[in-house]
Amino acid sequence: MMLSSPAVTSSSRPAFAGLAAALVAATVLSGCVVAPPPRPRTVVVEPPPARAVMVEPAPVVVVAPTAPPAPYVETITVAPSPVHVWVGGFWEWGGGRYVWRPGHWTTPPRPGAVWVPHHWEPGPGGWHMRPGHWAPR
């Protein structure tokens, strides 16, 4: 007994040829697909909540060749409010001479802070000014 293959008729050839062409085109084009580059991920890092920190600037070393004059006697007026603090005047060295800087009222940078006044100390090379600053109580 002999098996016979199905006969291809002339009417099925155009359909078979079209199907074969479609398969070949799909195979060829499937290798030509260009995928878009991956999108970079955006990571958002939020800073920690801000908090106030008091940072005192580094003091500038001022040396004068002679002792400062006696301080002026200042008239301290009435405080503008109960939280204001008097910052007394002081002698400042500059331009080869002492200059008086008068006192004034100001508010502390934080509750409980106290003002440590400017002062002059004898030291190597002359008189050294120690600038005033806020300190914890």
C-alpha atoms as a PDB file:
ATOM      1  CA  MET A   1       0.000   0.000   0.000  1.00  0.00           C
ATOM      2  CA  MET A   2       1.276   3.271  -0.964  1.00  0.00           C
ATOM      3  CA  LEU A   3       0.628   6.502   0.812  1.00  0.00           C
ATOM      4  CA  SER A   4       0.063   9.402  -1.288  1.00  0.00           C
ATOM      5  CA  SER A   5       0.664  12.988  -0.349  1.00  0.00           C
ATOM      6  CA  PRO A   6      -2.158  15.375  -0.723  1.00  0.00           C
ATOM      7  CA  ALA A   7      -2.209  17.011  -4.001  1.00  0.00           C
ATOM      8  CA  VAL A   8      -1.562  20.659  -4.197  1.00  0.00           C
ATOM      9  CA  THR A   9      -4.048  22.214  -6.427  1.00  0.00           C
ATOM     10  CA  SER A  10      -3.475  25.276  -8.437  1.00  0.00           C
ATOM     11  CA  SER A  11      -6.136  27.112  -6.468  1.00  0.00           C
ATOM     12  CA  SER A  12      -4.303  26.619  -3.122  1.00  0.00           C
ATOM     13  CA  ARG A  13      -0.886  27.730  -4.443  1.00  0.00           C
ATOM     14  CA  PRO A  14      -1.502  31.480  -4.213  1.00  0.00           C
ATOM     15  CA  ALA A  15      -2.774  31.114  -0.620  1.00  0.00           C
ATOM     16  CA  PHE A  16       0.211  28.919   0.309  1.00  0.00           C
ATOM     17  CA  ALA A  17       2.621  31.319  -1.345  1.00  0.00           C
ATOM     18  CA  GLY A  18       1.080  34.268   0.514  1.00  0.00           C
ATOM     19  CA  LEU A  19       1.255  32.393   3.819  1.00  0.00           C
ATOM     20  CA  ALA A  20       4.864  31.421   3.191  1.00  0.00           C
ATOM     21  CA  ALA A  21       5.760  35.005   2.278  1.00  0.00           C
ATOM     22  CA  ALA A  22       4.072  36.254   5.455  1.00  0.00           C
ATOM     23  CA  LEU A  23       5.996  33.734   7.583  1.00  0.00           C
ATOM     24  CA  VAL A  24       9.289  34.681   5.953  1.00  0.00           C
ATOM     25  CA  ALA A  25       8.566  38.395   6.411  1.00  0.00           C
ATOM     26  CA  ALA A  26       7.601  37.889  10.077  1.00  0.00           C
ATOM     27  CA  THR A  27      10.770  35.892  10.707  1.00  0.00           C
ATOM     28  CA  VAL A  28      13.004  38.446   9.012  1.00  0.00           C
ATOM     29  CA  LEU A  29      11.345  41.462  10.617  1.00  0.00           C
ATOM     30  CA  SER A  30      11.269  39.926  14.082  1.00  0.00           C
ATOM     31  CA  GLY A  31      15.080  40.117  14.166  1.00  0.00           C
ATOM     32  CA  CYS A  32      15.020  43.816  13.238  1.00  0.00           C
ATOM     33  CA  VAL A  33      12.927  45.076  16.110  1.00  0.00           C
ATOM     34  CA  VAL A  34      14.779  47.802  17.998  1.00  0.00           C
ATOM     35  CA  ALA A  35      13.665  48.115  21.574  1.00  0.00           C
ATOM     36  CA  PRO A  36      13.751  51.598  23.078  1.00  0.00           C
ATOM     37  CA  PRO A  37      16.511  52.134  25.625  1.00  0.00           C
ATOM     38  CA  PRO A  38      15.411  51.613  29.208  1.00  0.00           C
ATOM     39  CA  ARG A  39      14.285  54.796  30.902  1.00  0.00           C
ATOM     40  CA  PRO A  40      16.565  55.891  33.725  1.00  0.00           C
ATOM     41  CA  ARG A  41      15.017  55.564  37.140  1.00  0.00           C
ATOM     42  CA  THR A  42      14.499  58.750  39.033  1.00  0.00           C
ATOM     43  CA  VAL A  43      15.156  58.419  42.738  1.00  0.00           C
ATOM     44  CA  VAL A  44      13.994  61.278  44.914  1.00  0.00           C
ATOM     45  CA  VAL A  45      15.800  61.632  48.221  1.00  0.00           C
ATOM     46  CA  GLU A  46      14.253  64.191  50.498  1.00  0.00           C
ATOM     47  CA  PRO A  47      16.504  65.954  53.000  1.00  0.00           C
ATOM     48  CA  PRO A  48      15.791  65.462  56.686  1.00  0.00           C
ATOM     49  CA  PRO A  49      13.580  68.095  58.260  1.00  0.00           C
ATOM     50  CA  ALA A  50      15.436  71.343  58.827  1.00  0.00           C
ATOM     51  CA  ARG A  51      16.286  72.345  62.366  1.00  0.00           C
ATOM     52  CA  ALA A  52      17.872  75.491  63.646  1.00  0.00           C
ATOM     53  CA  VAL A  53      21.450  75.158  64.832  1.00  0.00           C
ATOM     54  CA  MET A  54      23.336  78.049  66.351  1.00  0.00           C
ATOM     55  CA  VAL A  55      26.831  78.180  64.900  1.00  0.00           C
ATOM     56  CA  GLU A  56      29.162  80.794  66.234  1.00  0.00           C
ATOM     57  CA  PRO A  57      31.680  82.117  63.696  1.00  0.00           C
ATOM     58  CA  ALA A  58      35.337  81.528  64.442  1.00  0.00           C
ATOM     59  CA  PRO A  59      36.667  84.543  66.302  1.00  0.00           C
ATOM     60  CA  VAL A  60      39.136  86.788  64.515  1.00  0.00           C
ATOM     61  CA  VAL A  61      42.282  87.358  66.527  1.00  0.00           C
ATOM     62  CA  VAL A  62      42.803  91.090  66.986  1.00  0.00           C
ATOM     63  CA  VAL A  63      46.011  92.255  68.680  1.00  0.00           C
ATOM     64  CA  ALA A  64      46.567  95.888  69.606  1.00  0.00           C
ATOM     65  CA  PRO A  65      49.990  97.218  70.656  1.00  0.00           C
ATOM     66  CA  THR A  66      48.629  99.165  73.653  1.00  0.00           C
ATOM     67  CA  ALA A  67      45.930  98.670  76.263  1.00  0.00           C
ATOM     68  CA  PRO A  68      42.461  99.994  75.398  1.00  0.00           C
ATOM     69  CA  PRO A  69      41.230 103.216  77.048  1.00  0.00           C
ATOM     70  CA  ALA A  70      38.818 103.036  79.959  1.00  0.00           C
ATOM     71  CA  PRO A  71      35.293 102.165  78.782  1.00  0.00           C
ATOM     72  CA  TYR A  72      32.743 104.932  78.390  1.00  0.00           C
ATOM     73  CA  VAL A  73      29.997 105.162  80.951  1.00  0.00           C
ATOM     74  CA  GLU A  74      26.904 104.411  78.910  1.00  0.00           C
ATOM     75  CA  THR A  75      23.349 105.406  79.697  1.00  0.00           C
ATOM     76  CA  ILE A  76      21.236 102.276  79.402  1.00  0.00           C
ATOM     77  CA  THR A  77      17.737 103.150  78.260  1.00  0.00           C
ATOM     78  CA  VAL A  78      14.562 101.210  79.012  1.00  0.00           C
ATOM     79  CA  ALA A  79      14.445  97.814  77.266  1.00  0.00           C
ATOM     80  CA  PRO A  80      12.117  97.671  74.252  1.00  0.00           C
ATOM     81  CA  SER A  81      10.606  94.434  75.622  1.00  0.00           C
ATOM     82  CA  PRO A  82      11.112  91.991  78.489  1.00  0.00           C
ATOM     83  CA  VAL A  83      13.122  89.641  76.259  1.00  0.00           C
ATOM     84  CA  HIS A  84      15.670  92.247  75.102  1.00  0.00           C
ATOM     85  CA  VAL A  85      19.221  92.085  76.502  1.00  0.00           C
ATOM     86  CA  TRP A  86      21.689  94.966  76.760  1.00  0.00           C
ATOM     87  CA  VAL A  87      24.929  94.373  74.864  1.00  0.00           C
ATOM     88  CA  GLY A  88      27.418  96.871  76.307  1.00  0.00           C
ATOM     89  CA  GLY A  89      29.738  99.013  74.219  1.00  0.00           C
ATOM     90  CA  PHE A  90      33.412  98.177  73.758  1.00  0.00           C
ATOM     91  CA  TRP A  91      36.661  99.455  72.323  1.00  0.00           C
ATOM     92  CA  GLU A  92      37.497  98.022  68.906  1.00  0.00           C
ATOM     93  CA  TRP A  93      40.971  98.149  67.346  1.00  0.00           C
ATOM     94  CA  GLY A  94      41.148  99.147  63.682  1.00  0.00           C
ATOM     95  CA  GLY A  95      43.183 101.398  61.426  1.00  0.00           C
ATOM     96  CA  GLY A  96      45.931 101.752  64.030  1.00  0.00           C
ATOM     97  CA  ARG A  97      43.636 103.169  66.736  1.00  0.00           C
ATOM     98  CA  TYR A  98      40.834 102.318  69.160  1.00  0.00           C
ATOM     99  CA  VAL A  99      37.251 103.136  68.170  1.00  0.00           C
ATOM    100  CA  TRP A 100      34.311 103.022  70.615  1.00  0.00           C
ATOM    101  CA  ARG A 101      31.370 100.834  69.559  1.00  0.00           C
ATOM    102  CA  PRO A 102      28.309 101.868  71.589  1.00  0.00           C
ATOM    103  CA  GLY A 103      26.049  99.380  73.342  1.00  0.00           C
ATOM    104  CA  HIS A 104      22.585  98.422  72.118  1.00  0.00           C
ATOM    105  CA  TRP A 105      19.511  96.345  72.922  1.00  0.00           C
ATOM    106  CA  THR A 106      19.079  92.991  71.154  1.00  0.00           C
ATOM    107  CA  THR A 107      17.185  89.737  71.551  1.00  0.00           C
ATOM    108  CA  PRO A 108      18.953  86.472  72.385  1.00  0.00           C
ATOM    109  CA  PRO A 109      19.246  83.933  69.572  1.00  0.00           C
ATOM    110  CA  ARG A 110      17.597  81.244  71.744  1.00  0.00           C
ATOM    111  CA  PRO A 111      15.796  81.131  75.086  1.00  0.00           C
ATOM    112  CA  GLY A 112      18.120  81.049  78.079  1.00  0.00           C
ATOM    113  CA  ALA A 113      21.166  82.427  76.233  1.00  0.00           C
ATOM    114  CA  VAL A 114      23.291  85.007  78.059  1.00  0.00           C
ATOM    115  CA  TRP A 115      25.609  87.623  76.576  1.00  0.00           C
ATOM    116  CA  VAL A 116      29.307  87.324  77.432  1.00  0.00           C
ATOM    117  CA  PRO A 117      30.787  90.806  76.800  1.00  0.00           C
ATOM    118  CA  HIS A 118      33.800  91.722  74.679  1.00  0.00           C
ATOM    119  CA  HIS A 119      37.010  92.146  76.657  1.00  0.00           C
ATOM    120  CA  TRP A 120      40.728  92.756  76.194  1.00  0.00           C
ATOM    121  CA  GLU A 121      43.484  90.581  77.690  1.00  0.00           C
ATOM    122  CA  PRO A 122      47.251  91.144  77.697  1.00  0.00           C
ATOM    123  CA  GLY A 123      49.061  88.489  75.677  1.00  0.00           C
ATOM    124  CA  PRO A 124      51.989  87.817  73.360  1.00  0.00           C
ATOM    125  CA  GLY A 125      52.580  90.801  71.075  1.00  0.00           C
ATOM    126  CA  GLY A 126      50.157  93.185  72.799  1.00  0.00           C
ATOM    127  CA  TRP A 127      46.511  93.203  73.871  1.00  0.00           C
ATOM    128  CA  HIS A 128      44.159  90.519  72.494  1.00  0.00           C
ATOM    129  CA  MET A 129      40.471  91.221  72.012  1.00  0.00           C
ATOM    130  CA  ARG A 130      38.083  88.434  73.005  1.00  0.00           C
ATOM    131  CA  PRO A 131      34.825  89.098  71.135  1.00  0.00           C
ATOM    132  CA  GLY A 132      31.506  88.971  72.896  1.00  0.00           C
ATOM    133  CA  HIS A 133      29.271  85.967  72.282  1.00  0.00           C
ATOM    134  CA  TRP A 134      26.091  84.209  73.327  1.00  0.00           C
ATOM    135  CA  ALA A 135      26.507  81.314  75.750  1.00  0.00           C
ATOM    136  CA  PRO A 136      24.070  78.875  77.377  1.00  0.00           C
ATOM    137  CA  ARG A 137      22.962  79.822  80.860  1.00  0.00           C
END
